[in-house]
Amino acid sequence: ILRFDRIVMLDDGLWILDYKRNYLPSQQEDYQAQLQHYRNAVAKLYPAQTINTALITVDGRLWLLNPC
């Protein structure tokens, strides 16, 4: 079972958003793996959609974590 914090459907694709208290560069690899897992699951349901992923921290910052 996967629990996404939020999925937003827009005309140009989907956004998977995960809320975090803070974001440190040392956490990037773990968060990228987490969001890749979410992206893979959503891609099975919406194969024709562009899927973007990002973190939102409590200070309101948006951290894009799309695959490299």
C-alpha atoms as a PDB file:
ATOM      1  CA  ILE A   1       0.000   0.000   0.000  1.00  0.00           C
ATOM      2  CA  LEU A   2       1.303   3.416  -0.973  1.00  0.00           C
ATOM      3  CA  ARG A   3       0.092   6.675   0.536  1.00  0.00           C
ATOM      4  CA  PHE A   4       0.821   9.780  -1.430  1.00  0.00           C
ATOM      5  CA  ASP A   5       0.523  13.100   0.341  1.00  0.00           C
ATOM      6  CA  ARG A   6      -1.004  14.686  -2.749  1.00  0.00           C
ATOM      7  CA  ILE A   7      -1.517  14.026  -6.451  1.00  0.00           C
ATOM      8  CA  VAL A   8      -2.473  16.962  -8.640  1.00  0.00           C
ATOM      9  CA  MET A   9      -3.870  16.380 -12.117  1.00  0.00           C
ATOM     10  CA  LEU A  10      -3.262  19.223 -14.570  1.00  0.00           C
ATOM     11  CA  ASP A  11      -3.791  19.472 -18.320  1.00  0.00           C
ATOM     12  CA  ASP A  12      -0.085  18.873 -18.984  1.00  0.00           C
ATOM     13  CA  GLY A  13       0.417  15.950 -16.578  1.00  0.00           C
ATOM     14  CA  LEU A  14       0.392  14.741 -13.003  1.00  0.00           C
ATOM     15  CA  TRP A  15       2.279  15.990  -9.976  1.00  0.00           C
ATOM     16  CA  ILE A  16       3.081  13.740  -7.043  1.00  0.00           C
ATOM     17  CA  LEU A  17       3.808  15.975  -4.055  1.00  0.00           C
ATOM     18  CA  ASP A  18       5.261  14.844  -0.760  1.00  0.00           C
ATOM     19  CA  TYR A  19       5.327  17.072   2.308  1.00  0.00           C
ATOM     20  CA  LYS A  20       8.433  17.154   4.494  1.00  0.00           C
ATOM     21  CA  ARG A  21       9.432  19.108   7.562  1.00  0.00           C
ATOM     22  CA  ASN A  22      12.792  19.958   5.971  1.00  0.00           C
ATOM     23  CA  TYR A  23      15.012  18.856   3.125  1.00  0.00           C
ATOM     24  CA  LEU A  24      18.749  18.307   3.387  1.00  0.00           C
ATOM     25  CA  PRO A  25      21.025  17.466   0.455  1.00  0.00           C
ATOM     26  CA  SER A  26      22.097  14.300   2.312  1.00  0.00           C
ATOM     27  CA  GLN A  27      18.475  13.071   2.052  1.00  0.00           C
ATOM     28  CA  GLN A  28      18.173  13.527  -1.713  1.00  0.00           C
ATOM     29  CA  GLU A  29      18.967   9.926  -2.649  1.00  0.00           C
ATOM     30  CA  ASP A  30      16.378   8.510  -0.220  1.00  0.00           C
ATOM     31  CA  TYR A  31      13.678  10.943  -1.295  1.00  0.00           C
ATOM     32  CA  GLN A  32      14.406  10.353  -4.985  1.00  0.00           C
ATOM     33  CA  ALA A  33      13.993   6.607  -4.406  1.00  0.00           C
ATOM     34  CA  GLN A  34      10.718   7.167  -2.522  1.00  0.00           C
ATOM     35  CA  LEU A  35       9.279   9.381  -5.244  1.00  0.00           C
ATOM     36  CA  GLN A  36      10.490   7.045  -7.992  1.00  0.00           C
ATOM     37  CA  HIS A  37       8.532   4.251  -6.292  1.00  0.00           C
ATOM     38  CA  TYR A  38       5.441   6.482  -6.306  1.00  0.00           C
ATOM     39  CA  ARG A  39       6.065   7.485  -9.931  1.00  0.00           C
ATOM     40  CA  ASN A  40       6.288   3.844 -11.027  1.00  0.00           C
ATOM     41  CA  ALA A  41       2.974   3.016  -9.364  1.00  0.00           C
ATOM     42  CA  VAL A  42       1.164   6.020 -10.859  1.00  0.00           C
ATOM     43  CA  ALA A  43       2.633   5.354 -14.329  1.00  0.00           C
ATOM     44  CA  LYS A  44       0.839   1.995 -14.369  1.00  0.00           C
ATOM     45  CA  LEU A  45      -2.483   3.776 -13.875  1.00  0.00           C
ATOM     46  CA  TYR A  46      -1.771   6.709 -16.210  1.00  0.00           C
ATOM     47  CA  PRO A  47       0.757   5.468 -18.785  1.00  0.00           C
ATOM     48  CA  ALA A  48       0.211   8.346 -21.223  1.00  0.00           C
ATOM     49  CA  GLN A  49       0.660  11.101 -18.616  1.00  0.00           C
ATOM     50  CA  THR A  50       3.778  13.083 -17.826  1.00  0.00           C
ATOM     51  CA  ILE A  51       4.526  12.501 -14.144  1.00  0.00           C
ATOM     52  CA  ASN A  52       6.415  15.084 -12.113  1.00  0.00           C
ATOM     53  CA  THR A  53       7.499  14.723  -8.502  1.00  0.00           C
ATOM     54  CA  ALA A  54       8.432  17.247  -5.859  1.00  0.00           C
ATOM     55  CA  LEU A  55       8.791  17.810  -2.154  1.00  0.00           C
ATOM     56  CA  ILE A  56       7.151  20.718  -0.366  1.00  0.00           C
ATOM     57  CA  THR A  57       8.757  21.767   2.909  1.00  0.00           C
ATOM     58  CA  VAL A  58       7.075  23.621   5.781  1.00  0.00           C
ATOM     59  CA  ASP A  59       8.762  26.857   4.718  1.00  0.00           C
ATOM     60  CA  GLY A  60       6.775  26.701   1.469  1.00  0.00           C
ATOM     61  CA  ARG A  61       9.672  25.715  -0.802  1.00  0.00           C
ATOM     62  CA  LEU A  62       9.085  23.379  -3.737  1.00  0.00           C
ATOM     63  CA  TRP A  63      11.940  20.940  -4.398  1.00  0.00           C
ATOM     64  CA  LEU A  64      11.676  19.288  -7.832  1.00  0.00           C
ATOM     65  CA  LEU A  65      12.798  15.665  -7.674  1.00  0.00           C
ATOM     66  CA  ASN A  66      12.129  14.331 -11.136  1.00  0.00           C
ATOM     67  CA  PRO A  67      14.337  11.491 -12.331  1.00  0.00           C
ATOM     68  CA  CYS A  68      17.735  12.448 -13.684  1.00  0.00           C
END
